PDB file of all heavy atoms in Angstrom:
ATOM      1  N   LEU A   1    -171.724 164.742  -4.122  1.00  0.00           N
ATOM      2  CA  LEU A   1    -172.782 163.770  -4.352  1.00  0.00           C
ATOM      3  C   LEU A   1    -172.219 162.629  -5.195  1.00  0.00           C
ATOM      4  O   LEU A   1    -171.586 162.875  -6.243  1.00  0.00           O
ATOM      5  CB  LEU A   1    -173.928 164.453  -5.088  1.00  0.00           C
ATOM      6  CG  LEU A   1    -175.190 163.656  -5.369  1.00  0.00           C
ATOM      7  CD1 LEU A   1    -175.888 163.311  -4.070  1.00  0.00           C
ATOM      8  CD2 LEU A   1    -176.123 164.451  -6.277  1.00  0.00           C
ATOM      9  N   VAL A   2    -172.429 161.388  -4.746  1.00  0.00           N
ATOM     10  CA  VAL A   2    -171.885 160.248  -5.456  1.00  0.00           C
ATOM     11  C   VAL A   2    -172.888 159.097  -5.384  1.00  0.00           C
ATOM     12  O   VAL A   2    -173.660 158.991  -4.418  1.00  0.00           O
ATOM     13  CB  VAL A   2    -170.519 159.837  -4.866  1.00  0.00           C
ATOM     14  CG1 VAL A   2    -170.654 159.389  -3.415  1.00  0.00           C
ATOM     15  CG2 VAL A   2    -169.823 158.795  -5.705  1.00  0.00           C
ATOM     16  N   GLN A   3    -172.870 158.245  -6.400  1.00  0.00           N
ATOM     17  CA  GLN A   3    -173.763 157.090  -6.411  1.00  0.00           C
ATOM     18  C   GLN A   3    -173.193 155.961  -5.554  1.00  0.00           C
ATOM     19  O   GLN A   3    -171.971 155.888  -5.351  1.00  0.00           O
ATOM     20  CB  GLN A   3    -173.960 156.599  -7.840  1.00  0.00           C
ATOM     21  CG  GLN A   3    -174.744 157.551  -8.721  1.00  0.00           C
ATOM     22  CD  GLN A   3    -175.048 156.959 -10.077  1.00  0.00           C
ATOM     23  OE1 GLN A   3    -174.392 156.031 -10.539  1.00  0.00           O
ATOM     24  NE2 GLN A   3    -176.063 157.496 -10.740  1.00  0.00           N
ATOM     25  N   PRO A   4    -174.048 155.088  -5.063  1.00  0.00           N
ATOM     26  CA  PRO A   4    -173.548 153.912  -4.322  1.00  0.00           C
ATOM     27  C   PRO A   4    -172.531 153.145  -5.155  1.00  0.00           C
ATOM     28  O   PRO A   4    -172.708 152.968  -6.363  1.00  0.00           O
ATOM     29  CB  PRO A   4    -174.819 153.092  -4.087  1.00  0.00           C
ATOM     30  CG  PRO A   4    -175.913 154.103  -4.060  1.00  0.00           C
ATOM     31  CD  PRO A   4    -175.526 155.129  -5.086  1.00  0.00           C
ATOM     32  N   GLY A   5    -171.467 152.723  -4.488  1.00  0.00           N
ATOM     33  CA  GLY A   5    -170.381 152.044  -5.165  1.00  0.00           C
ATOM     34  C   GLY A   5    -169.301 152.972  -5.676  1.00  0.00           C
ATOM     35  O   GLY A   5    -168.238 152.510  -6.110  1.00  0.00           O
ATOM     36  N   GLY A   6    -169.561 154.260  -5.627  1.00  0.00           N
ATOM     37  CA  GLY A   6    -168.601 155.233  -6.122  1.00  0.00           C
ATOM     38  C   GLY A   6    -167.503 155.560  -5.124  1.00  0.00           C
ATOM     39  O   GLY A   6    -167.442 154.974  -4.028  1.00  0.00           O
ATOM     40  N   SER A   7    -166.648 156.494  -5.521  1.00  0.00           N
ATOM     41  CA  SER A   7    -165.497 156.869  -4.706  1.00  0.00           C
ATOM     42  C   SER A   7    -165.396 158.381  -4.577  1.00  0.00           C
ATOM     43  O   SER A   7    -165.844 159.124  -5.452  1.00  0.00           O
ATOM     44  CB  SER A   7    -164.204 156.350  -5.342  1.00  0.00           C
ATOM     45  OG  SER A   7    -164.193 154.945  -5.422  1.00  0.00           O
ATOM     46  N   LEU A   8    -164.797 158.805  -3.491  1.00  0.00           N
ATOM     47  CA  LEU A   8    -164.459 160.205  -3.269  1.00  0.00           C
ATOM     48  C   LEU A   8    -163.142 160.254  -2.518  1.00  0.00           C
ATOM     49  O   LEU A   8    -162.830 159.341  -1.732  1.00  0.00           O
ATOM     50  CB  LEU A   8    -165.520 160.928  -2.447  1.00  0.00           C
ATOM     51  CG  LEU A   8    -166.813 161.375  -3.117  1.00  0.00           C
ATOM     52  CD1 LEU A   8    -167.766 161.940  -2.074  1.00  0.00           C
ATOM     53  CD2 LEU A   8    -166.551 162.388  -4.212  1.00  0.00           C
ATOM     54  N   ARG A   9    -162.408 161.333  -2.722  1.00  0.00           N
ATOM     55  CA  ARG A   9    -161.190 161.574  -1.960  1.00  0.00           C
ATOM     56  C   ARG A   9    -161.326 162.906  -1.250  1.00  0.00           C
ATOM     57  O   ARG A   9    -161.422 163.955  -1.892  1.00  0.00           O
ATOM     58  CB  ARG A   9    -159.969 161.590  -2.864  1.00  0.00           C
ATOM     59  CG  ARG A   9    -158.652 161.649  -2.106  1.00  0.00           C
ATOM     60  CD  ARG A   9    -157.516 162.035  -3.018  1.00  0.00           C
ATOM     61  NE  ARG A   9    -156.212 161.719  -2.459  1.00  0.00           N
ATOM     62  CZ  ARG A   9    -155.086 162.322  -2.830  1.00  0.00           C
ATOM     63  NH1 ARG A   9    -155.108 163.254  -3.768  1.00  0.00           N
ATOM     64  NH2 ARG A   9    -153.937 161.981  -2.286  1.00  0.00           N
ATOM     65  N   LEU A  10    -161.335 162.856   0.065  1.00  0.00           N
ATOM     66  CA  LEU A  10    -161.386 164.071   0.866  1.00  0.00           C
ATOM     67  C   LEU A  10    -159.984 164.537   1.206  1.00  0.00           C
ATOM     68  O   LEU A  10    -159.076 163.721   1.392  1.00  0.00           O
ATOM     69  CB  LEU A  10    -162.164 163.822   2.160  1.00  0.00           C
ATOM     70  CG  LEU A  10    -163.563 163.222   2.027  1.00  0.00           C
ATOM     71  CD1 LEU A  10    -164.225 163.127   3.402  1.00  0.00           C
ATOM     72  CD2 LEU A  10    -164.416 164.030   1.075  1.00  0.00           C
ATOM     73  N   SER A  11    -159.834 165.845   1.301  1.00  0.00           N
ATOM     74  CA  SER A  11    -158.562 166.442   1.706  1.00  0.00           C
ATOM     75  C   SER A  11    -158.809 167.370   2.886  1.00  0.00           C
ATOM     76  O   SER A  11    -159.881 167.969   3.002  1.00  0.00           O
ATOM     77  CB  SER A  11    -157.948 167.250   0.557  1.00  0.00           C
ATOM     78  OG  SER A  11    -157.685 166.439  -0.560  1.00  0.00           O
ATOM     79  N   CYS A  12    -157.814 167.491   3.723  1.00  0.00           N
ATOM     80  CA  CYS A  12    -157.849 168.443   4.835  1.00  0.00           C
ATOM     81  C   CYS A  12    -156.514 169.180   4.852  1.00  0.00           C
ATOM     82  O   CYS A  12    -155.473 168.582   5.156  1.00  0.00           O
ATOM     83  CB  CYS A  12    -158.079 167.727   6.148  1.00  0.00           C
ATOM     84  SG  CYS A  12    -157.905 168.770   7.616  1.00  0.00           S
ATOM     85  N   ALA A  13    -156.559 170.450   4.519  1.00  0.00           N
ATOM     86  CA  ALA A  13    -155.363 171.293   4.526  1.00  0.00           C
ATOM     87  C   ALA A  13    -155.213 171.943   5.885  1.00  0.00           C
ATOM     88  O   ALA A  13    -156.136 172.613   6.362  1.00  0.00           O
ATOM     89  CB  ALA A  13    -155.474 172.343   3.436  1.00  0.00           C
ATOM     90  N   ALA A  14    -154.066 171.729   6.506  1.00  0.00           N
ATOM     91  CA  ALA A  14    -153.818 172.216   7.862  1.00  0.00           C
ATOM     92  C   ALA A  14    -152.821 173.376   7.856  1.00  0.00           C
ATOM     93  O   ALA A  14    -151.901 173.413   7.027  1.00  0.00           O
ATOM     94  CB  ALA A  14    -153.274 171.083   8.724  1.00  0.00           C
ATOM     95  N   SER A  15    -153.004 174.302   8.779  1.00  0.00           N
ATOM     96  CA  SER A  15    -152.073 175.406   8.921  1.00  0.00           C
ATOM     97  C   SER A  15    -152.118 175.919  10.350  1.00  0.00           C
ATOM     98  O   SER A  15    -153.064 175.646  11.098  1.00  0.00           O
ATOM     99  CB  SER A  15    -152.408 176.528   7.931  1.00  0.00           C
ATOM    100  OG  SER A  15    -153.706 177.030   8.169  1.00  0.00           O
ATOM    101  N   GLY A  16    -151.077 176.657  10.736  1.00  0.00           N
ATOM    102  CA  GLY A  16    -151.054 177.291  12.049  1.00  0.00           C
ATOM    103  C   GLY A  16    -150.493 176.435  13.165  1.00  0.00           C
ATOM    104  O   GLY A  16    -150.528 176.855  14.326  1.00  0.00           O
ATOM    105  N   PHE A  17    -149.994 175.249  12.836  1.00  0.00           N
ATOM    106  CA  PHE A  17    -149.370 174.393  13.853  1.00  0.00           C
ATOM    107  C   PHE A  17    -148.395 173.449  13.155  1.00  0.00           C
ATOM    108  O   PHE A  17    -148.371 173.358  11.926  1.00  0.00           O
ATOM    109  CB  PHE A  17    -150.426 173.606  14.638  1.00  0.00           C
ATOM    110  CG  PHE A  17    -151.204 172.598  13.826  1.00  0.00           C
ATOM    111  CD1 PHE A  17    -150.923 171.242  13.902  1.00  0.00           C
ATOM    112  CD2 PHE A  17    -152.230 173.011  12.984  1.00  0.00           C
ATOM    113  CE1 PHE A  17    -151.640 170.316  13.160  1.00  0.00           C
ATOM    114  CE2 PHE A  17    -152.958 172.095  12.234  1.00  0.00           C
ATOM    115  CZ  PHE A  17    -152.664 170.738  12.314  1.00  0.00           C
ATOM    116  N   MET A  18    -147.575 172.748  13.957  1.00  0.00           N
ATOM    117  CA  MET A  18    -146.567 171.842  13.399  1.00  0.00           C
ATOM    118  C   MET A  18    -147.248 170.522  13.025  1.00  0.00           C
ATOM    119  O   MET A  18    -147.250 169.546  13.775  1.00  0.00           O
ATOM    120  CB  MET A  18    -145.456 171.603  14.413  1.00  0.00           C
ATOM    121  CG  MET A  18    -144.562 172.804  14.622  1.00  0.00           C
ATOM    122  SD  MET A  18    -143.519 173.137  13.179  1.00  0.00           S
ATOM    123  CE  MET A  18    -142.316 171.827  13.357  1.00  0.00           C
ATOM    124  N   PHE A  19    -147.808 170.528  11.836  1.00  0.00           N
ATOM    125  CA  PHE A  19    -148.614 169.413  11.349  1.00  0.00           C
ATOM    126  C   PHE A  19    -147.906 168.075  11.522  1.00  0.00           C
ATOM    127  O   PHE A  19    -148.506 167.096  11.956  1.00  0.00           O
ATOM    128  CB  PHE A  19    -148.956 169.659   9.885  1.00  0.00           C
ATOM    129  CG  PHE A  19    -149.749 168.579   9.229  1.00  0.00           C
ATOM    130  CD1 PHE A  19    -151.114 168.469   9.442  1.00  0.00           C
ATOM    131  CD2 PHE A  19    -149.132 167.681   8.368  1.00  0.00           C
ATOM    132  CE1 PHE A  19    -151.855 167.476   8.821  1.00  0.00           C
ATOM    133  CE2 PHE A  19    -149.860 166.676   7.741  1.00  0.00           C
ATOM    134  CZ  PHE A  19    -151.227 166.576   7.969  1.00  0.00           C
ATOM    135  N   LYS A  20    -146.630 168.021  11.205  1.00  0.00           N
ATOM    136  CA  LYS A  20    -145.920 166.744  11.183  1.00  0.00           C
ATOM    137  C   LYS A  20    -145.759 166.126  12.570  1.00  0.00           C
ATOM    138  O   LYS A  20    -145.354 164.969  12.693  1.00  0.00           O
ATOM    139  CB  LYS A  20    -144.543 166.914  10.541  1.00  0.00           C
ATOM    140  CG  LYS A  20    -143.605 167.822  11.325  1.00  0.00           C
ATOM    141  CD  LYS A  20    -142.280 167.963  10.606  1.00  0.00           C
ATOM    142  CE  LYS A  20    -141.315 168.850  11.367  1.00  0.00           C
ATOM    143  NZ  LYS A  20    -140.036 169.006  10.639  1.00  0.00           N
ATOM    144  N   LEU A  21    -146.073 166.867  13.619  1.00  0.00           N
ATOM    145  CA  LEU A  21    -145.921 166.365  14.978  1.00  0.00           C
ATOM    146  C   LEU A  21    -147.186 165.720  15.540  1.00  0.00           C
ATOM    147  O   LEU A  21    -147.147 165.123  16.618  1.00  0.00           O
ATOM    148  CB  LEU A  21    -145.506 167.501  15.922  1.00  0.00           C
ATOM    149  CG  LEU A  21    -144.170 168.163  15.633  1.00  0.00           C
ATOM    150  CD1 LEU A  21    -143.876 169.219  16.693  1.00  0.00           C
ATOM    151  CD2 LEU A  21    -143.037 167.145  15.568  1.00  0.00           C
ATOM    152  N   TYR A  22    -148.300 165.849  14.816  1.00  0.00           N
ATOM    153  CA  TYR A  22    -149.574 165.437  15.384  1.00  0.00           C
ATOM    154  C   TYR A  22    -150.246 164.321  14.600  1.00  0.00           C
ATOM    155  O   TYR A  22    -150.257 164.342  13.360  1.00  0.00           O
ATOM    156  CB  TYR A  22    -150.538 166.626  15.442  1.00  0.00           C
ATOM    157  CG  TYR A  22    -150.128 167.654  16.451  1.00  0.00           C
ATOM    158  CD1 TYR A  22    -149.296 168.717  16.096  1.00  0.00           C
ATOM    159  CD2 TYR A  22    -150.553 167.561  17.774  1.00  0.00           C
ATOM    160  CE1 TYR A  22    -148.901 169.649  17.027  1.00  0.00           C
ATOM    161  CE2 TYR A  22    -150.170 168.501  18.716  1.00  0.00           C
ATOM    162  CZ  TYR A  22    -149.341 169.535  18.339  1.00  0.00           C
ATOM    163  OH  TYR A  22    -148.958 170.461  19.264  1.00  0.00           O
ATOM    164  N   ALA A  23    -150.816 163.372  15.343  1.00  0.00           N
ATOM    165  CA  ALA A  23    -151.731 162.426  14.732  1.00  0.00           C
ATOM    166  C   ALA A  23    -152.968 163.180  14.259  1.00  0.00           C
ATOM    167  O   ALA A  23    -153.358 164.186  14.864  1.00  0.00           O
ATOM    168  CB  ALA A  23    -152.128 161.350  15.739  1.00  0.00           C
ATOM    169  N   MET A  24    -153.560 162.695  13.185  1.00  0.00           N
ATOM    170  CA  MET A  24    -154.731 163.342  12.612  1.00  0.00           C
ATOM    171  C   MET A  24    -155.859 162.325  12.482  1.00  0.00           C
ATOM    172  O   MET A  24    -155.612 161.115  12.347  1.00  0.00           O
ATOM    173  CB  MET A  24    -154.409 163.916  11.232  1.00  0.00           C
ATOM    174  CG  MET A  24    -153.335 164.987  11.215  1.00  0.00           C
ATOM    175  SD  MET A  24    -153.809 166.500  12.096  1.00  0.00           S
ATOM    176  CE  MET A  24    -155.208 167.046  11.104  1.00  0.00           C
ATOM    177  N   ASN A  25    -157.067 162.830  12.507  1.00  0.00           N
ATOM    178  CA  ASN A  25    -158.237 161.957  12.449  1.00  0.00           C
ATOM    179  C   ASN A  25    -159.278 162.493  11.474  1.00  0.00           C
ATOM    180  O   ASN A  25    -159.338 163.707  11.231  1.00  0.00           O
ATOM    181  CB  ASN A  25    -158.910 161.862  13.820  1.00  0.00           C
ATOM    182  CG  ASN A  25    -157.960 161.451  14.909  1.00  0.00           C
ATOM    183  OD1 ASN A  25    -157.422 160.355  14.900  1.00  0.00           O
ATOM    184  ND2 ASN A  25    -157.720 162.348  15.857  1.00  0.00           N
ATOM    185  N   TRP A  26    -160.086 161.589  10.969  1.00  0.00           N
ATOM    186  CA  TRP A  26    -161.314 161.946  10.268  1.00  0.00           C
ATOM    187  C   TRP A  26    -162.486 161.414  11.091  1.00  0.00           C
ATOM    188  O   TRP A  26    -162.471 160.257  11.549  1.00  0.00           O
ATOM    189  CB  TRP A  26    -161.373 161.319   8.876  1.00  0.00           C
ATOM    190  CG  TRP A  26    -160.518 161.988   7.858  1.00  0.00           C
ATOM    191  CD1 TRP A  26    -159.268 161.622   7.449  1.00  0.00           C
ATOM    192  CD2 TRP A  26    -160.858 163.158   7.092  1.00  0.00           C
ATOM    193  NE1 TRP A  26    -158.807 162.476   6.493  1.00  0.00           N
ATOM    194  CE2 TRP A  26    -159.770 163.430   6.248  1.00  0.00           C
ATOM    195  CE3 TRP A  26    -161.986 163.990   7.041  1.00  0.00           C
ATOM    196  CZ2 TRP A  26    -159.763 164.507   5.354  1.00  0.00           C
ATOM    197  CZ3 TRP A  26    -161.973 165.053   6.156  1.00  0.00           C
ATOM    198  CH2 TRP A  26    -160.868 165.302   5.323  1.00  0.00           C
ATOM    199  N   TYR A  27    -163.474 162.278  11.301  1.00  0.00           N
ATOM    200  CA  TYR A  27    -164.726 161.911  11.931  1.00  0.00           C
ATOM    201  C   TYR A  27    -165.851 162.174  10.941  1.00  0.00           C
ATOM    202  O   TYR A  27    -165.663 162.878   9.943  1.00  0.00           O
ATOM    203  CB  TYR A  27    -164.965 162.766  13.182  1.00  0.00           C
ATOM    204  CG  TYR A  27    -164.222 162.347  14.406  1.00  0.00           C
ATOM    205  CD1 TYR A  27    -162.867 162.618  14.553  1.00  0.00           C
ATOM    206  CD2 TYR A  27    -164.872 161.688  15.445  1.00  0.00           C
ATOM    207  CE1 TYR A  27    -162.176 162.234  15.695  1.00  0.00           C
ATOM    208  CE2 TYR A  27    -164.194 161.304  16.598  1.00  0.00           C
ATOM    209  CZ  TYR A  27    -162.848 161.587  16.717  1.00  0.00           C
ATOM    210  OH  TYR A  27    -162.174 161.208  17.853  1.00  0.00           O
ATOM    211  N   ARG A  28    -167.025 161.648  11.257  1.00  0.00           N
ATOM    212  CA  ARG A  28    -168.202 161.982  10.460  1.00  0.00           C
ATOM    213  C   ARG A  28    -169.430 162.063  11.362  1.00  0.00           C
ATOM    214  O   ARG A  28    -169.468 161.456  12.446  1.00  0.00           O
ATOM    215  CB  ARG A  28    -168.432 160.954   9.351  1.00  0.00           C
ATOM    216  CG  ARG A  28    -168.904 159.587   9.824  1.00  0.00           C
ATOM    217  CD  ARG A  28    -169.008 158.636   8.644  1.00  0.00           C
ATOM    218  NE  ARG A  28    -169.565 157.347   9.033  1.00  0.00           N
ATOM    219  CZ  ARG A  28    -169.678 156.312   8.205  1.00  0.00           C
ATOM    220  NH1 ARG A  28    -169.277 156.415   6.932  1.00  0.00           N
ATOM    221  NH2 ARG A  28    -170.205 155.180   8.629  1.00  0.00           N
ATOM    222  N   GLN A  29    -170.416 162.819  10.887  1.00  0.00           N
ATOM    223  CA  GLN A  29    -171.664 162.949  11.618  1.00  0.00           C
ATOM    224  C   GLN A  29    -172.818 162.918  10.636  1.00  0.00           C
ATOM    225  O   GLN A  29    -172.928 163.807   9.779  1.00  0.00           O
ATOM    226  CB  GLN A  29    -171.697 164.228  12.453  1.00  0.00           C
ATOM    227  CG  GLN A  29    -172.902 164.311  13.362  1.00  0.00           C
ATOM    228  CD  GLN A  29    -172.760 165.384  14.423  1.00  0.00           C
ATOM    229  OE1 GLN A  29    -171.982 166.327  14.283  1.00  0.00           O
ATOM    230  NE2 GLN A  29    -173.509 165.256  15.503  1.00  0.00           N
ATOM    231  N   ALA A  30    -173.632 161.902  10.776  1.00  0.00           N
ATOM    232  CA  ALA A  30    -174.825 161.777   9.945  1.00  0.00           C
ATOM    233  C   ALA A  30    -175.987 162.489  10.630  1.00  0.00           C
ATOM    234  O   ALA A  30    -175.966 162.678  11.854  1.00  0.00           O
ATOM    235  CB  ALA A  30    -175.158 160.302   9.734  1.00  0.00           C
ATOM    236  N   PRO A  31    -177.004 162.880   9.879  1.00  0.00           N
ATOM    237  CA  PRO A  31    -178.152 163.573  10.468  1.00  0.00           C
ATOM    238  C   PRO A  31    -178.773 162.769  11.605  1.00  0.00           C
ATOM    239  O   PRO A  31    -179.057 161.574  11.450  1.00  0.00           O
ATOM    240  CB  PRO A  31    -179.118 163.710   9.289  1.00  0.00           C
ATOM    241  CG  PRO A  31    -178.254 163.675   8.083  1.00  0.00           C
ATOM    242  CD  PRO A  31    -177.129 162.745   8.419  1.00  0.00           C
ATOM    243  N   GLY A  32    -178.945 163.410  12.747  1.00  0.00           N
ATOM    244  CA  GLY A  32    -179.581 162.766  13.880  1.00  0.00           C
ATOM    245  C   GLY A  32    -178.719 161.779  14.623  1.00  0.00           C
ATOM    246  O   GLY A  32    -179.203 161.080  15.519  1.00  0.00           O
ATOM    247  N   LYS A  33    -177.436 161.707  14.275  1.00  0.00           N
ATOM    248  CA  LYS A  33    -176.547 160.750  14.928  1.00  0.00           C
ATOM    249  C   LYS A  33    -175.379 161.460  15.578  1.00  0.00           C
ATOM    250  O   LYS A  33    -175.072 162.614  15.283  1.00  0.00           O
ATOM    251  CB  LYS A  33    -176.039 159.719  13.913  1.00  0.00           C
ATOM    252  CG  LYS A  33    -177.134 158.821  13.345  1.00  0.00           C
ATOM    253  CD  LYS A  33    -176.536 157.682  12.553  1.00  0.00           C
ATOM    254  CE  LYS A  33    -177.614 156.721  12.087  1.00  0.00           C
ATOM    255  NZ  LYS A  33    -177.047 155.580  11.321  1.00  0.00           N
ATOM    256  N   GLU A  34    -174.703 160.716  16.467  1.00  0.00           N
ATOM    257  CA  GLU A  34    -173.515 161.236  17.126  1.00  0.00           C
ATOM    258  C   GLU A  34    -172.351 161.275  16.133  1.00  0.00           C
ATOM    259  O   GLU A  34    -172.294 160.489  15.194  1.00  0.00           O
ATOM    260  CB  GLU A  34    -173.125 160.308  18.289  1.00  0.00           C
ATOM    261  CG  GLU A  34    -174.184 160.149  19.356  1.00  0.00           C
ATOM    262  CD  GLU A  34    -173.966 161.105  20.502  1.00  0.00           C
ATOM    263  OE1 GLU A  34    -172.791 161.395  20.818  1.00  0.00           O
ATOM    264  OE2 GLU A  34    -174.951 161.567  21.069  1.00  0.00           O
ATOM    265  N   ARG A  35    -171.410 162.190  16.390  1.00  0.00           N
ATOM    266  CA  ARG A  35    -170.195 162.215  15.598  1.00  0.00           C
ATOM    267  C   ARG A  35    -169.389 160.964  15.925  1.00  0.00           C
ATOM    268  O   ARG A  35    -169.256 160.585  17.089  1.00  0.00           O
ATOM    269  CB  ARG A  35    -169.394 163.465  15.923  1.00  0.00           C
ATOM    270  CG  ARG A  35    -168.303 163.785  14.946  1.00  0.00           C
ATOM    271  CD  ARG A  35    -167.698 165.156  15.205  1.00  0.00           C
ATOM    272  NE  ARG A  35    -168.642 166.223  14.921  1.00  0.00           N
ATOM    273  CZ  ARG A  35    -168.316 167.516  14.873  1.00  0.00           C
ATOM    274  NH1 ARG A  35    -167.047 167.872  15.060  1.00  0.00           N
ATOM    275  NH2 ARG A  35    -169.206 168.436  14.620  1.00  0.00           N
ATOM    276  N   GLU A  36    -168.831 160.315  14.889  1.00  0.00           N
ATOM    277  CA  GLU A  36    -168.088 159.081  15.104  1.00  0.00           C
ATOM    278  C   GLU A  36    -166.742 159.136  14.400  1.00  0.00           C
ATOM    279  O   GLU A  36    -166.580 159.774  13.354  1.00  0.00           O
ATOM    280  CB  GLU A  36    -168.882 157.868  14.581  1.00  0.00           C
ATOM    281  CG  GLU A  36    -169.144 157.864  13.101  1.00  0.00           C
ATOM    282  CD  GLU A  36    -169.788 156.574  12.610  1.00  0.00           C
ATOM    283  OE1 GLU A  36    -169.795 155.562  13.344  1.00  0.00           O
ATOM    284  OE2 GLU A  36    -170.287 156.582  11.464  1.00  0.00           O
ATOM    285  N   LEU A  37    -165.773 158.431  14.998  1.00  0.00           N
ATOM    286  CA  LEU A  37    -164.448 158.334  14.402  1.00  0.00           C
ATOM    287  C   LEU A  37    -164.505 157.469  13.151  1.00  0.00           C
ATOM    288  O   LEU A  37    -165.085 156.385  13.161  1.00  0.00           O
ATOM    289  CB  LEU A  37    -163.463 157.736  15.407  1.00  0.00           C
ATOM    290  CG  LEU A  37    -162.035 157.525  14.912  1.00  0.00           C
ATOM    291  CD1 LEU A  37    -161.346 158.858  14.652  1.00  0.00           C
ATOM    292  CD2 LEU A  37    -161.246 156.702  15.922  1.00  0.00           C
ATOM    293  N   VAL A  38    -163.885 157.961  12.089  1.00  0.00           N
ATOM    294  CA  VAL A  38    -163.781 157.202  10.851  1.00  0.00           C
ATOM    295  C   VAL A  38    -162.413 156.534  10.763  1.00  0.00           C
ATOM    296  O   VAL A  38    -162.310 155.334  10.557  1.00  0.00           O
ATOM    297  CB  VAL A  38    -163.996 158.119   9.633  1.00  0.00           C
ATOM    298  CG1 VAL A  38    -163.735 157.366   8.336  1.00  0.00           C
ATOM    299  CG2 VAL A  38    -165.399 158.708   9.656  1.00  0.00           C
ATOM    300  N   ALA A  39    -161.368 157.333  10.920  1.00  0.00           N
ATOM    301  CA  ALA A  39    -160.007 156.815  10.779  1.00  0.00           C
ATOM    302  C   ALA A  39    -159.026 157.763  11.441  1.00  0.00           C
ATOM    303  O   ALA A  39    -159.312 158.956  11.594  1.00  0.00           O
ATOM    304  CB  ALA A  39    -159.645 156.650   9.303  1.00  0.00           C
ATOM    305  N   GLY A  40    -157.878 157.230  11.824  1.00  0.00           N
ATOM    306  CA  GLY A  40    -156.812 158.038  12.387  1.00  0.00           C
ATOM    307  C   GLY A  40    -155.482 157.629  11.795  1.00  0.00           C
ATOM    308  O   GLY A  40    -155.315 156.503  11.314  1.00  0.00           O
ATOM    309  N   ILE A  41    -154.520 158.552  11.839  1.00  0.00           N
ATOM    310  CA  ILE A  41    -153.189 158.280  11.299  1.00  0.00           C
ATOM    311  C   ILE A  41    -152.165 158.938  12.213  1.00  0.00           C
ATOM    312  O   ILE A  41    -152.374 160.043  12.715  1.00  0.00           O
ATOM    313  CB  ILE A  41    -153.071 158.784   9.844  1.00  0.00           C
ATOM    314  CG1 ILE A  41    -151.749 158.348   9.219  1.00  0.00           C
ATOM    315  CG2 ILE A  41    -153.270 160.295   9.751  1.00  0.00           C
ATOM    316  CD1 ILE A  41    -151.711 158.535   7.699  1.00  0.00           C
ATOM    317  N   SER A  42    -151.066 158.237  12.450  1.00  0.00           N
ATOM    318  CA  SER A  42    -150.019 158.754  13.315  1.00  0.00           C
ATOM    319  C   SER A  42    -149.298 159.930  12.658  1.00  0.00           C
ATOM    320  O   SER A  42    -149.474 160.195  11.466  1.00  0.00           O
ATOM    321  CB  SER A  42    -149.022 157.639  13.637  1.00  0.00           C
ATOM    322  OG  SER A  42    -148.388 157.198  12.449  1.00  0.00           O
ATOM    323  N   SER A  43    -148.474 160.597  13.437  1.00  0.00           N
ATOM    324  CA  SER A  43    -147.798 161.795  12.934  1.00  0.00           C
ATOM    325  C   SER A  43    -146.901 161.487  11.730  1.00  0.00           C
ATOM    326  O   SER A  43    -146.815 162.292  10.801  1.00  0.00           O
ATOM    327  CB  SER A  43    -146.977 162.445  14.047  1.00  0.00           C
ATOM    328  OG  SER A  43    -146.045 161.524  14.577  1.00  0.00           O
ATOM    329  N   SER A  44    -146.272 160.334  11.739  1.00  0.00           N
ATOM    330  CA  SER A  44    -145.385 159.964  10.627  1.00  0.00           C
ATOM    331  C   SER A  44    -146.130 159.333   9.460  1.00  0.00           C
ATOM    332  O   SER A  44    -145.587 159.196   8.372  1.00  0.00           O
ATOM    333  CB  SER A  44    -144.337 158.978  11.121  1.00  0.00           C
ATOM    334  OG  SER A  44    -144.951 157.744  11.452  1.00  0.00           O
TER     335      SER A  44
END
């Protein structure tokens, strides 16, 4: 929970695959809405 104007840092810990070989993405889904792409990053 954060106030407007605030900041948060999300983390995603991956295991079970060669993480460094894959592009990764963050998506989000708000109540009553479709899941949407937030950001993506290449493997490197």
